[in-house]
């Protein structure tokens, strides 16, 4: 039995090294400029004026690492800094702090791999407790070599931390439901509070936990009302203590040097025109009150998330361009972004699970009681997917990250249960042969899965399966953080230098400082500047070079107002996300 934890640890360690190495040559992605800047301002300045729309935990990890660098203290925000000027501050910190930007980016990213490691161990513990050690090892394998997970584990963002928060909080909440001891109460409270500090989407844990309480009480007791009411009160107290003690204390530290008057003014400015005025009024009112201002800052972030989700985002999807969400977006993108061998295992697991459920004896209530952890995982997946589909925001499969852990556990458990069941009944040669063939097929699928992971190195963010034509074909379906998040600017700079390109016009989807990577070759190009070849040659009679991020190029294939359709096939593509064109007279 000891070999399974060791093997799981080895898988997590190998994947962690690959994750770090694969991002070593990446420029800061879009979200990293504000996140890195905000994290440093939280730790060094004790002020939460930047990036309030995300909780602080992931950014704090980056900020704690950066305090060991000799960053110019004058870089910190002042009273004259514009309200929530997170993008400019982040870029200024990275490129103008007196520290080598490459070093600063690497140092900021390194601690974030801890969330990946924590997730790996939680998946192992969950799967071993729910199924067995062999299933736990399979779940860790699927997690560790998932291109989407690795892609987002390397950046200073909140998606993998949110996965950690869900796994962590749910693990200890179920433990509290099973045994309502004082120690379990505090573990459930603290883990819930920590989850709320990872990403605001973890707020969905509140209705999720309340639903679990009701189903637990119904499945465990003959009488429903009294046990359910008693457990509901206890569970609400668990969450209230986690929010008050953990969230309140952490946010209090973050607003310590944030002047109350400025906090109130910033909140009022950010929430101007908010669709629910009473919410804005409550947040603004509490923003300068002692003790309450910490919770008001958390409330400001939650309000901003609802506002963003309602407002939507300009999205390219399957040849369409819209600011309104597509209901099919997440199911389709998931089917294109996950390796085909995993999709086969997923479908097999669904079929196995359904057959096992149908074949099970006893009433529905007893089935829920006997498999409550599995039921809990399925309910979270359903709640989160349904919410994501109905929210007006389609900018990346990363928004489904909080369900990935439970999917890996359930797939591994279903496969393992099926094999174990037939092994126990393997009394004839035909059944033994079937088991052997099934194991061989699973090993083939896992080998294919690993081969996909290895083949896409180091471009994990751009991974698409063969249904989409691989990483090079993904841009035809979706872009943004599924493929093009500004990560390849450094590689473009290397290409420019290697090919002795003296000038390149660039329309770049990102906030990294282009001149740092391209030097004097860089010329900023705005959308619409060159709507035709003739217009370009008018300014560049001898021809020249243009670089266009995939997000902008794909938009031009749909929007006639966009200027890039005339460029045709690119001369080369940098990291699957930046198209480079050489225009000749």
Protein backbone atom coordinates (compact mmCIF):
# COMPACT_ATOMS: atom_id res chain seq x y z
CA UNK A 1 0.00 0.00 0.00
CA UNK A 2 2.88 2.36 0.68
CA UNK A 3 3.89 2.28 -2.97
CA UNK A 4 0.73 4.11 -4.07
CA UNK A 5 1.41 7.35 -2.15
CA UNK A 6 5.01 7.24 -3.37
CA UNK A 7 3.96 6.77 -6.98
CA UNK A 8 1.35 9.50 -6.65
CA UNK A 9 3.97 11.83 -5.21
CA UNK A 10 6.30 11.01 -8.08
CA UNK A 11 3.60 11.79 -10.67
CA UNK A 12 2.81 15.11 -9.02
CA UNK A 13 6.50 16.00 -8.75
CA UNK A 14 7.21 15.20 -12.41
CA UNK A 15 4.18 17.16 -13.59
CA UNK A 16 5.17 20.10 -11.37
CA UNK A 17 8.63 20.26 -12.93
CA UNK A 18 7.13 20.05 -16.42
CA UNK A 19 4.66 22.82 -15.57
CA UNK A 20 7.39 25.16 -14.34
CA UNK A 21 9.72 24.40 -17.25
CA UNK A 22 6.99 24.82 -19.86
CA UNK A 23 6.14 28.33 -18.65
CA UNK A 24 9.75 29.48 -18.31
CA UNK A 25 9.70 31.15 -21.72
CA UNK A 26 6.16 32.53 -21.52
CA UNK A 27 5.49 36.26 -21.39
CA UNK A 28 2.96 37.34 -18.74
CA UNK A 29 -0.53 36.33 -19.78
CA UNK A 30 -3.34 38.91 -19.77
CA UNK A 31 -4.44 38.32 -16.18
CA UNK A 32 -0.94 38.20 -14.72
CA UNK A 33 -0.18 41.90 -15.05
CA UNK A 34 -2.93 42.94 -12.62
CA UNK A 35 -2.58 39.85 -10.42
CA UNK A 36 1.17 40.15 -9.92
CA UNK A 37 0.92 43.88 -9.30
CA UNK A 38 -2.00 43.49 -6.92
CA UNK A 39 -0.29 40.69 -4.99
CA UNK A 40 2.82 42.78 -4.43
CA UNK A 41 0.74 45.79 -3.33
CA UNK A 42 -1.16 43.62 -0.83
CA UNK A 43 1.96 42.27 0.82
CA UNK A 44 4.27 45.27 0.60
CA UNK A 45 1.67 48.00 0.89
CA UNK A 46 -1.15 46.36 2.92
CA UNK A 47 -3.68 47.96 0.59
CA UNK A 48 -6.43 46.34 -1.47
CA UNK A 49 -7.03 49.05 -4.04
CA UNK A 50 -6.07 46.86 -7.01
CA UNK A 51 -7.95 43.88 -8.46
CA UNK A 52 -10.75 43.66 -5.87
CA UNK A 53 -12.78 41.48 -8.27
CA UNK A 54 -10.65 38.51 -7.20
CA UNK A 55 -9.97 37.27 -3.64
CA UNK A 56 -6.36 37.63 -2.50
CA UNK A 57 -4.99 34.16 -1.73
CA UNK A 58 -3.36 33.27 -5.07
CA UNK A 59 -2.04 36.81 -5.51
CA UNK A 60 -0.67 36.77 -1.95
CA UNK A 61 1.49 33.77 -2.82
CA UNK A 62 3.06 35.76 -5.66
CA UNK A 63 3.40 38.88 -3.51
CA UNK A 64 5.12 37.00 -0.68
CA UNK A 65 7.72 35.68 -3.13
CA UNK A 66 8.35 39.15 -4.57
CA UNK A 67 9.19 40.82 -1.25
CA UNK A 68 12.53 39.02 -1.32
CA UNK A 69 13.51 40.96 -4.47
CA UNK A 70 14.97 44.45 -4.27
CA UNK A 71 11.97 46.20 -5.81
CA UNK A 72 12.07 49.97 -5.80
CA UNK A 73 9.63 51.01 -2.99
CA UNK A 74 8.60 54.06 -5.02
CA UNK A 75 6.70 51.68 -7.30
CA UNK A 76 3.91 51.29 -4.72
CA UNK A 77 0.63 53.14 -5.36
CA UNK A 78 0.15 56.65 -4.02
CA UNK A 79 -2.86 58.80 -3.27
CA UNK A 80 -2.69 60.10 -6.86
CA UNK A 81 -3.04 56.60 -8.39
CA UNK A 82 -6.21 56.24 -10.47
CA UNK A 83 -9.03 54.08 -9.09
CA UNK A 84 -8.27 50.38 -9.59
CA UNK A 85 -5.54 51.19 -12.12
CA UNK A 86 -4.44 47.57 -11.87
CA UNK A 87 -3.28 47.05 -15.46
CA UNK A 88 -0.89 49.98 -15.60
CA UNK A 89 0.40 49.34 -12.09
CA UNK A 90 1.05 45.68 -12.82
CA UNK A 91 2.94 46.43 -16.00
CA UNK A 92 4.91 49.17 -14.29
CA UNK A 93 5.87 46.79 -11.48
CA UNK A 94 6.99 44.03 -13.83
CA UNK A 95 8.97 46.17 -16.28
CA UNK A 96 10.01 49.28 -14.34
CA UNK A 97 10.65 48.21 -10.76
CA UNK A 98 14.44 48.08 -10.89
CA UNK A 99 14.37 44.26 -11.03
CA UNK A 100 14.94 42.14 -14.14
CA UNK A 101 11.39 41.51 -15.48
CA UNK A 102 12.18 37.91 -16.38
CA UNK A 103 13.37 37.19 -12.84
CA UNK A 104 10.36 38.96 -11.34
CA UNK A 105 7.90 36.96 -13.44
CA UNK A 106 9.57 33.64 -12.63
CA UNK A 107 9.68 34.38 -8.91
CA UNK A 108 6.02 35.46 -8.86
CA UNK A 109 4.89 32.28 -10.63
CA UNK A 110 6.85 29.68 -8.70
CA UNK A 111 4.73 29.62 -5.50
CA UNK A 112 1.54 29.11 -7.50
CA UNK A 113 2.63 25.55 -8.32
CA UNK A 114 1.87 24.74 -4.68
CA UNK A 115 -1.85 24.87 -5.45
CA UNK A 116 -1.32 22.24 -8.14
CA UNK A 117 0.56 20.06 -5.65
CA UNK A 118 -2.14 20.52 -2.98
CA UNK A 119 -4.82 19.59 -5.52
CA UNK A 120 -2.94 16.44 -6.51
CA UNK A 121 -2.76 15.21 -2.93
CA UNK A 122 -6.37 16.07 -2.20
CA UNK A 123 -7.45 14.13 -5.29
CA UNK A 124 -5.40 11.17 -4.07
CA UNK A 125 -6.94 11.34 -0.57
CA UNK A 126 -10.48 11.76 -1.93
CA UNK A 127 -10.16 8.86 -4.38
CA UNK A 128 -8.48 6.51 -1.89
CA UNK A 129 -11.13 7.21 0.74
CA UNK A 130 -14.02 6.86 -1.74
CA UNK A 131 -12.63 3.90 -3.72
CA UNK A 132 -9.14 2.47 -3.14
CA UNK A 133 -5.44 3.22 -3.64
CA UNK A 134 -5.36 1.97 -7.24
CA UNK A 135 -8.21 4.29 -8.20
CA UNK A 136 -6.45 7.12 -6.36
CA UNK A 137 -3.29 6.61 -8.38
CA UNK A 138 -5.26 6.59 -11.63
CA UNK A 139 -7.06 9.81 -10.63
CA UNK A 140 -3.72 11.49 -9.88
CA UNK A 141 -2.34 10.32 -13.25
CA UNK A 142 -5.31 11.85 -15.08
CA UNK A 143 -4.94 15.08 -13.11
CA UNK A 144 -1.16 15.39 -13.38
CA UNK A 145 -1.03 14.94 -17.16
CA UNK A 146 -4.10 16.91 -18.16
CA UNK A 147 -2.94 19.67 -20.56
CA UNK A 148 -5.63 22.10 -19.39
CA UNK A 149 -4.72 21.67 -15.72
CA UNK A 150 -1.00 22.06 -16.39
CA UNK A 151 -1.65 25.10 -18.59
CA UNK A 152 -3.35 26.99 -15.77
CA UNK A 153 -1.26 25.70 -12.88
CA UNK A 154 1.76 27.74 -14.03
CA UNK A 155 0.33 31.25 -13.94
CA UNK A 156 -0.55 33.80 -11.28
CA UNK A 157 -4.28 33.30 -11.70
CA UNK A 158 -7.19 32.01 -9.60
CA UNK A 159 -8.43 28.96 -11.53
CA UNK A 160 -6.32 26.14 -10.07
CA UNK A 161 -6.48 27.77 -6.60
CA UNK A 162 -10.29 27.62 -6.96
CA UNK A 163 -10.04 23.89 -7.72
CA UNK A 164 -7.99 23.50 -4.54
CA UNK A 165 -10.57 25.47 -2.56
CA UNK A 166 -13.45 23.26 -3.72
CA UNK A 167 -11.59 20.00 -3.03
CA UNK A 168 -10.35 21.22 0.35
CA UNK A 169 -13.63 22.67 1.65
CA UNK A 170 -15.84 19.83 0.41
CA UNK A 171 -13.55 17.16 1.85
CA UNK A 172 -13.79 18.58 5.36
CA UNK A 173 -17.46 19.51 5.10
CA UNK A 174 -18.40 15.91 4.29
CA UNK A 175 -16.21 14.81 7.15
CA UNK A 176 -18.20 17.10 9.43
CA UNK A 177 -21.51 15.72 8.16
CA UNK A 178 -20.33 12.20 8.92
CA UNK A 179 -19.02 13.00 12.39
CA UNK A 180 -19.99 16.29 14.02
CA UNK A 181 -17.08 16.67 16.41
CA UNK A 182 -15.61 20.00 17.50
CA UNK A 183 -12.38 19.33 15.60
CA UNK A 184 -14.32 18.59 12.42
CA UNK A 185 -16.39 21.75 12.91
CA UNK A 186 -13.27 23.90 12.92
CA UNK A 187 -11.66 22.05 10.03
CA UNK A 188 -14.82 22.52 7.97
CA UNK A 189 -15.05 26.21 8.92
CA UNK A 190 -11.42 27.02 8.21
CA UNK A 191 -11.36 25.12 4.90
CA UNK A 192 -14.57 26.86 3.80
CA UNK A 193 -13.09 30.26 4.62
CA UNK A 194 -9.91 29.43 2.72
CA UNK A 195 -11.97 28.33 -0.29
CA UNK A 196 -13.72 31.72 -0.35
CA UNK A 197 -10.29 33.35 -0.57
CA UNK A 198 -9.38 31.55 -3.82
CA UNK A 199 -12.06 32.73 -6.27
CA UNK A 200 -15.51 34.24 -6.00
CA UNK A 201 -17.07 31.32 -7.91
CA UNK A 202 -16.49 29.27 -4.74
CA UNK A 203 -19.44 31.21 -3.31
CA UNK A 204 -21.48 28.46 -4.98
CA UNK A 205 -20.29 26.22 -2.15
CA UNK A 206 -22.94 27.88 0.04
CA UNK A 207 -26.04 26.55 -1.79
CA UNK A 208 -24.15 23.35 -2.57
CA UNK A 209 -23.40 22.62 1.08
CA UNK A 210 -26.96 23.46 2.13
CA UNK A 211 -28.29 21.02 -0.48
CA UNK A 212 -25.89 18.32 0.75
CA UNK A 213 -27.15 18.84 4.30
CA UNK A 214 -30.76 18.29 3.25
CA UNK A 215 -29.96 15.17 1.23
CA UNK A 216 -27.73 13.82 4.01
CA UNK A 217 -30.45 14.29 6.63
CA UNK A 218 -33.03 12.67 4.33
CA UNK A 219 -30.81 9.67 3.55
CA UNK A 220 -29.59 9.05 7.11
CA UNK A 221 -32.73 9.44 9.21
CA UNK A 222 -36.28 8.14 9.21
CA UNK A 223 -37.55 11.49 10.41
CA UNK A 224 -36.48 14.33 8.15
CA UNK A 225 -37.58 17.70 9.53
CA UNK A 226 -35.89 17.85 12.95
CA UNK A 227 -32.53 16.29 11.95
CA UNK A 228 -32.44 18.44 8.81
CA UNK A 229 -33.19 21.64 10.71
CA UNK A 230 -30.61 20.85 13.38
CA UNK A 231 -27.94 20.04 10.82
CA UNK A 232 -28.82 23.08 8.71
CA UNK A 233 -28.27 25.37 11.70
CA UNK A 234 -24.92 23.72 12.46
CA UNK A 235 -23.80 23.91 8.83
CA UNK A 236 -24.78 27.56 8.50
CA UNK A 237 -22.71 28.19 11.62
CA UNK A 238 -19.78 26.35 10.02
CA UNK A 239 -19.91 28.64 7.00
CA UNK A 240 -20.55 31.78 9.05
CA UNK A 241 -17.53 31.10 11.26
CA UNK A 242 -15.37 30.40 8.20
CA UNK A 243 -16.47 33.66 6.60
CA UNK A 244 -16.17 35.83 9.72
CA UNK A 245 -12.94 34.37 11.09
CA UNK A 246 -10.95 33.51 7.96
CA UNK A 247 -12.23 35.89 5.29
CA UNK A 248 -12.69 38.77 7.71
CA UNK A 249 -9.23 38.40 9.26
CA UNK A 250 -7.42 38.08 5.93
CA UNK A 251 -9.24 41.03 4.36
CA UNK A 252 -8.60 43.10 7.50
CA UNK A 253 -4.86 42.62 7.00
CA UNK A 254 -5.22 43.64 3.36
CA UNK A 255 -6.99 46.93 4.07
CA UNK A 256 -4.71 47.83 6.97
CA UNK A 257 -3.00 50.70 5.13
CA UNK A 258 -5.88 51.37 2.72
CA UNK A 259 -7.22 54.77 3.86
CA UNK A 260 -10.94 54.36 4.74
CA UNK A 261 -11.93 57.49 2.82
CA UNK A 262 -10.10 56.24 -0.28
CA UNK A 263 -11.63 52.78 0.06
CA UNK A 264 -15.11 54.30 0.20
CA UNK A 265 -14.43 56.58 -2.76
CA UNK A 266 -12.99 53.70 -4.80
CA UNK A 267 -15.99 51.47 -4.03
CA UNK A 268 -18.42 54.25 -4.97
CA UNK A 269 -16.57 54.87 -8.24
CA UNK A 270 -16.38 51.20 -9.20
CA UNK A 271 -20.05 50.55 -8.41
CA UNK A 272 -21.38 53.63 -10.18
CA UNK A 273 -24.46 52.53 -12.11
CA UNK A 274 -24.54 49.08 -10.46
CA UNK A 275 -27.67 47.18 -11.50
CA UNK A 276 -28.78 46.54 -7.88
CA UNK A 277 -28.45 49.95 -6.15
CA UNK A 278 -29.13 48.64 -2.65
CA UNK A 279 -26.14 46.27 -2.90
CA UNK A 280 -23.89 49.12 -4.03
CA UNK A 281 -25.18 51.34 -1.22
CA UNK A 282 -24.48 48.70 1.45
CA UNK A 283 -20.96 48.05 0.14
CA UNK A 284 -20.11 51.75 -0.08
CA UNK A 285 -21.62 52.45 3.36
CA UNK A 286 -19.48 49.75 5.02
CA UNK A 287 -16.28 50.66 3.19
CA UNK A 288 -15.03 53.17 5.77
CA UNK A 289 -16.41 51.54 8.94
CA UNK A 290 -13.96 49.83 11.32
CA UNK A 291 -14.15 46.03 11.11
CA UNK A 292 -16.96 46.21 8.52
CA UNK A 293 -14.66 47.61 5.85
CA UNK A 294 -12.94 44.23 5.47
CA UNK A 295 -16.26 42.56 4.67
CA UNK A 296 -17.29 45.49 2.47
CA UNK A 297 -14.16 44.96 0.37
CA UNK A 298 -15.06 41.30 -0.05
CA UNK A 299 -18.61 42.34 -0.96
CA UNK A 300 -17.23 44.79 -3.52
CA UNK A 301 -15.39 41.98 -5.27
CA UNK A 302 -18.44 39.72 -5.29
CA UNK A 303 -20.58 42.55 -6.69
CA UNK A 304 -18.01 43.17 -9.44
CA UNK A 305 -18.09 39.49 -10.41
CA UNK A 306 -21.87 39.52 -10.74
CA UNK A 307 -21.61 42.70 -12.79
CA UNK A 308 -19.00 41.16 -15.08
CA UNK A 309 -21.00 37.98 -15.51
CA UNK A 310 -24.10 39.96 -16.40
CA UNK A 311 -22.27 42.23 -18.84
CA UNK A 312 -20.64 39.43 -20.78
CA UNK A 313 -17.50 39.53 -22.92
CA UNK A 314 -16.82 39.72 -26.66
CA UNK A 315 -16.27 36.10 -27.68
CA UNK A 316 -15.26 34.30 -30.86
CA UNK A 317 -16.88 30.87 -31.01
CA UNK A 318 -17.32 28.53 -33.99
CA UNK A 319 -17.21 31.31 -36.54
CA UNK A 320 -19.47 33.64 -34.57
CA UNK A 321 -18.70 36.79 -32.62
CA UNK A 322 -20.94 37.85 -29.76
CA UNK A 323 -21.02 39.52 -26.33
CA UNK A 324 -23.84 37.19 -25.34
CA UNK A 325 -22.97 33.74 -24.03
CA UNK A 326 -23.49 30.63 -26.13
CA UNK A 327 -25.28 27.82 -24.26
CA UNK A 328 -23.23 25.18 -26.06
CA UNK A 329 -19.90 26.89 -25.37
CA UNK A 330 -18.60 24.91 -22.40
CA UNK A 331 -19.72 21.43 -23.52
CA UNK A 332 -18.26 21.94 -27.00
CA UNK A 333 -15.01 23.52 -25.83
CA UNK A 334 -14.56 20.79 -23.22
CA UNK A 335 -14.95 18.19 -25.97
CA UNK A 336 -12.30 19.98 -28.05
CA UNK A 337 -9.84 20.79 -25.27
CA UNK A 338 -9.62 17.44 -23.46
CA UNK A 339 -7.58 14.57 -24.94
CA UNK A 340 -9.66 12.02 -26.85
CA UNK A 341 -8.43 9.07 -24.72
CA UNK A 342 -9.76 10.85 -21.65
CA UNK A 343 -13.09 11.52 -23.35
CA UNK A 344 -13.30 7.78 -24.10
CA UNK A 345 -12.59 6.96 -20.45
CA UNK A 346 -15.16 9.55 -19.39
CA UNK A 347 -17.86 8.03 -21.59
CA UNK A 348 -16.98 4.55 -20.34
CA UNK A 349 -17.16 5.76 -16.75
CA UNK A 350 -20.61 7.31 -17.34
CA UNK A 351 -21.84 4.05 -18.87
CA UNK A 352 -20.32 1.94 -16.07
CA UNK A 353 -21.72 4.22 -13.40
CA UNK A 354 -25.20 4.21 -14.92
CA UNK A 355 -25.25 0.40 -15.20
CA UNK A 356 -24.01 0.00 -11.65
CA UNK A 357 -26.71 2.37 -10.41
CA UNK A 358 -29.44 0.52 -12.31
CA UNK A 359 -28.19 -2.86 -11.08
CA UNK A 360 -27.91 -1.78 -7.46
CA UNK A 361 -30.38 -3.20 -4.94
CA UNK A 362 -32.49 -1.32 -2.48
CA UNK A 363 -34.48 1.90 -2.59
CA UNK A 364 -33.17 5.17 -4.03
CA UNK A 365 -32.63 6.58 -0.55
CA UNK A 366 -30.30 3.74 0.42
CA UNK A 367 -28.26 4.12 -2.77
CA UNK A 368 -27.66 7.78 -1.95
CA UNK A 369 -26.72 6.93 1.62
CA UNK A 370 -24.30 4.18 0.64
CA UNK A 371 -22.56 6.30 -2.04
CA UNK A 372 -22.89 9.78 -0.58
CA UNK A 373 -19.37 11.07 -1.51
CA UNK A 374 -19.97 10.05 -5.13
CA UNK A 375 -23.39 11.72 -5.06
CA UNK A 376 -21.81 14.88 -3.57
CA UNK A 377 -19.22 15.05 -6.35
CA UNK A 378 -21.85 14.60 -9.05
CA UNK A 379 -24.06 17.30 -7.55
CA UNK A 380 -21.18 19.81 -7.52
CA UNK A 381 -20.42 19.07 -11.17
CA UNK A 382 -24.08 19.56 -12.13
CA UNK A 383 -24.46 22.79 -10.14
CA UNK A 384 -21.23 24.30 -11.42
CA UNK A 385 -21.73 23.34 -15.07
CA UNK A 386 -25.34 24.54 -15.06
CA UNK A 387 -24.27 27.86 -13.55
CA UNK A 388 -21.40 28.29 -16.01
CA UNK A 389 -23.63 27.58 -19.00
CA UNK A 390 -26.19 30.14 -17.87
CA UNK A 391 -23.72 32.90 -16.95
CA UNK A 392 -23.16 35.44 -19.71
CA UNK A 393 -19.38 34.93 -19.88
CA UNK A 394 -17.54 32.71 -22.40
CA UNK A 395 -13.82 33.41 -22.24
CA UNK A 396 -12.23 30.06 -21.50
CA UNK A 397 -12.53 26.43 -20.42
CA UNK A 398 -10.51 27.45 -17.35
CA UNK A 399 -13.78 28.60 -15.78
CA UNK A 400 -14.72 24.92 -15.43
CA UNK A 401 -11.53 24.15 -13.48
CA UNK A 402 -13.36 23.70 -10.12
CA UNK A 403 -15.06 20.53 -11.45
CA UNK A 404 -11.93 18.88 -12.84
CA UNK A 405 -10.86 17.20 -9.60
CA UNK A 406 -14.17 15.42 -9.04
CA UNK A 407 -14.33 14.35 -12.69
CA UNK A 408 -10.92 12.67 -12.43
CA UNK A 409 -11.90 10.94 -9.18
CA UNK A 410 -15.22 9.67 -10.53
CA UNK A 411 -13.72 8.43 -13.80
CA UNK A 412 -10.91 6.61 -12.00
CA UNK A 413 -13.34 5.15 -9.47
CA UNK A 414 -15.79 3.86 -12.08
CA UNK A 415 -13.01 2.20 -14.10
CA UNK A 416 -11.49 0.66 -10.98
CA UNK A 417 -14.84 -0.61 -9.65
CA UNK A 418 -15.62 -2.26 -12.95
CA UNK A 419 -12.30 -4.08 -13.09
CA UNK A 420 -12.45 -5.09 -9.41
CA UNK A 421 -15.99 -6.46 -9.78
CA UNK A 422 -15.02 -8.71 -12.65
CA UNK A 423 -11.76 -9.77 -10.99
CA UNK A 424 -13.76 -11.07 -8.02
CA UNK A 425 -15.92 -13.11 -10.38
CA UNK A 426 -13.09 -14.30 -12.66
CA UNK A 427 -13.70 -18.05 -12.35
CA UNK A 428 -13.68 -18.92 -16.05
CA UNK A 429 -11.25 -18.41 -18.87
CA UNK A 430 -13.54 -16.14 -20.93
CA UNK A 431 -14.00 -13.66 -18.07
CA UNK A 432 -10.28 -13.67 -17.30
CA UNK A 433 -9.57 -12.90 -20.95
CA UNK A 434 -12.11 -10.05 -20.90
CA UNK A 435 -10.45 -8.55 -17.81
CA UNK A 436 -6.99 -8.83 -19.38
CA UNK A 437 -8.18 -7.18 -22.60
CA UNK A 438 -9.90 -4.40 -20.65
CA UNK A 439 -6.74 -3.67 -18.68
CA UNK A 440 -4.73 -3.64 -21.89
CA UNK A 441 -7.19 -1.22 -23.51
CA UNK A 442 -7.04 1.09 -20.48
CA UNK A 443 -3.25 1.04 -20.55
CA UNK A 444 -3.33 1.91 -24.26
CA UNK A 445 -5.65 4.86 -23.56
CA UNK A 446 -3.42 6.07 -20.73
CA UNK A 447 -0.34 5.76 -22.95
CA UNK A 448 -2.15 7.81 -25.61
CA UNK A 449 -3.13 10.34 -22.94
CA UNK A 450 0.48 10.67 -21.81
CA UNK A 451 1.70 10.93 -25.40
CA UNK A 452 -0.71 13.84 -25.99
CA UNK A 453 0.66 15.55 -22.89
CA UNK A 454 4.28 15.12 -23.99
CA UNK A 455 3.64 16.12 -27.60
CA UNK A 456 2.21 19.56 -26.81
CA UNK A 457 5.09 20.64 -24.56
CA UNK A 458 5.57 23.55 -23.84
CA UNK A 459 2.37 24.93 -25.41
CA UNK A 460 -0.14 23.51 -22.92
CA UNK A 461 -2.43 26.52 -23.06
CA UNK A 462 -2.95 25.96 -26.79
CA UNK A 463 -3.78 22.25 -26.54
CA UNK A 464 -6.70 21.02 -28.64
CA UNK A 465 -7.42 17.43 -29.50
CA UNK A 466 -7.64 15.86 -32.93
CA UNK A 467 -11.34 16.76 -33.27
CA UNK A 468 -10.21 20.38 -33.56
CA UNK A 469 -7.20 19.60 -35.73
CA UNK A 470 -4.76 19.70 -32.81
CA UNK A 471 -3.17 22.82 -31.28
CA UNK A 472 -2.60 24.36 -34.70
CA UNK A 473 -6.30 24.14 -35.55
CA UNK A 474 -7.82 25.31 -32.30
CA UNK A 475 -8.06 28.97 -33.33
CA UNK A 476 -10.76 28.04 -35.84
CA UNK A 477 -13.09 27.20 -32.97
CA UNK A 478 -12.28 29.42 -29.97
CA UNK A 479 -9.52 31.79 -28.86
CA UNK A 480 -8.98 34.02 -25.79
CA UNK A 481 -7.67 32.09 -22.75
CA UNK A 482 -8.32 28.77 -24.52
CA UNK A 483 -5.38 29.49 -26.83
CA UNK A 484 -4.23 33.10 -27.02
CA UNK A 485 -3.58 34.83 -23.71
CA UNK A 486 -0.50 36.84 -24.68
CA UNK A 487 1.92 34.08 -23.65
CA UNK A 488 3.99 33.94 -26.85
CA UNK A 489 5.34 37.48 -27.04
CA UNK A 490 8.80 36.43 -25.82
CA UNK A 491 8.92 33.72 -28.48
CA UNK A 492 7.92 36.28 -31.10
CA UNK A 493 10.84 38.42 -29.97
CA UNK A 494 13.18 35.45 -30.43
CA UNK A 495 11.81 34.91 -33.94
CA UNK A 496 12.29 38.59 -34.84
CA UNK A 497 15.90 38.54 -33.64
CA UNK A 498 16.71 35.21 -35.28
CA UNK A 499 15.39 36.45 -38.63
CA UNK A 500 16.99 39.91 -38.33
CA UNK A 501 13.64 41.66 -38.75
CA UNK A 502 14.22 45.39 -38.41
CA UNK A 503 10.55 46.40 -38.04
CA UNK A 504 7.38 44.51 -37.25
CA UNK A 505 3.88 45.92 -36.78
CA UNK A 506 2.06 44.16 -33.97
CA UNK A 507 -1.57 43.95 -32.83
CA UNK A 508 -1.11 42.02 -29.60
CA UNK A 509 -3.74 40.45 -27.34
CA UNK A 510 -2.08 41.03 -23.98
CA UNK A 511 -0.60 43.51 -21.53
CA UNK A 512 3.05 42.46 -21.58
CA UNK A 513 5.33 45.29 -22.67
CA UNK A 514 6.00 44.65 -26.37
CA UNK A 515 9.11 46.80 -26.60
CA UNK A 516 10.82 44.79 -23.85
CA UNK A 517 10.67 41.63 -25.98
CA UNK A 518 10.91 43.12 -29.47
CA UNK A 519 13.19 46.07 -28.79
CA UNK A 520 13.42 48.73 -31.49
CA UNK A 521 11.79 46.41 -34.04
CA UNK A 522 8.37 46.86 -32.44
CA UNK A 523 5.78 49.21 -33.98
CA UNK A 524 2.35 49.29 -32.37
CA UNK A 525 -0.49 48.58 -34.80
CA UNK A 526 -4.13 49.26 -33.96
CA UNK A 527 -7.11 47.48 -35.46
CA UNK A 528 -8.14 49.11 -38.72
CA UNK A 529 -4.81 50.80 -39.37
CA UNK A 530 -4.16 48.72 -42.48
CA UNK A 531 -7.43 47.44 -43.99
CA UNK A 532 -5.75 46.36 -47.23
CA UNK A 533 -2.43 45.43 -48.78
CA UNK A 534 -2.40 48.69 -50.72
CA UNK A 535 -2.73 50.69 -47.52
CA UNK A 536 0.14 48.79 -45.93
CA UNK A 537 2.41 49.21 -48.95
CA UNK A 538 1.62 52.90 -49.04
CA UNK A 539 3.55 53.24 -45.76
CA UNK A 540 5.97 50.38 -46.47
CA UNK A 541 6.81 50.40 -50.17
CA UNK A 542 9.41 47.65 -49.83
CA UNK A 543 7.00 45.41 -47.93
CA UNK A 544 7.28 44.41 -44.33
CA UNK A 545 6.22 42.27 -41.37
CA UNK A 546 3.04 42.16 -39.34
CA UNK A 547 2.17 40.16 -36.23
CA UNK A 548 -1.45 39.60 -35.19
CA UNK A 549 -2.66 37.71 -32.14
CA UNK A 550 -4.98 34.81 -32.95
CA UNK A 551 -7.86 36.41 -31.03
CA UNK A 552 -7.81 39.51 -33.20
CA UNK A 553 -7.20 37.58 -36.41
CA UNK A 554 -10.15 35.25 -35.83
CA UNK A 555 -12.43 38.18 -35.05
CA UNK A 556 -11.47 39.62 -38.43
CA UNK A 557 -12.79 36.50 -40.17
CA UNK A 558 -16.28 37.29 -38.85
CA UNK A 559 -16.41 41.07 -38.45
CA UNK A 560 -16.16 42.91 -41.80
CA UNK A 561 -14.96 46.00 -39.92
CA UNK A 562 -11.81 44.16 -38.86
CA UNK A 563 -8.74 44.68 -41.06
CA UNK A 564 -6.89 41.36 -41.30
CA UNK A 565 -8.83 39.18 -43.72
CA UNK A 566 -6.62 40.37 -46.61
CA UNK A 567 -3.48 38.90 -45.07
CA UNK A 568 -4.26 35.32 -46.05
CA UNK A 569 -2.08 32.49 -44.77
CA UNK A 570 0.58 33.46 -42.20
CA UNK A 571 4.27 33.11 -42.96
CA UNK A 572 4.68 31.44 -39.58
CA UNK A 573 2.73 30.97 -36.36
CA UNK A 574 4.44 31.59 -33.02
CA UNK A 575 3.41 29.10 -30.37
CA UNK A 576 0.00 28.63 -32.04
CA UNK A 577 -1.17 32.06 -30.82
CA UNK A 578 0.56 34.82 -32.84
CA UNK A 579 0.27 34.90 -36.64
CA UNK A 580 3.21 36.47 -38.45
CA UNK A 581 2.87 37.75 -42.01
CA UNK A 582 5.49 38.93 -44.48
CA UNK A 583 3.90 41.27 -47.03
CA UNK A 584 5.76 41.79 -50.30
CA UNK A 585 5.12 44.43 -53.04
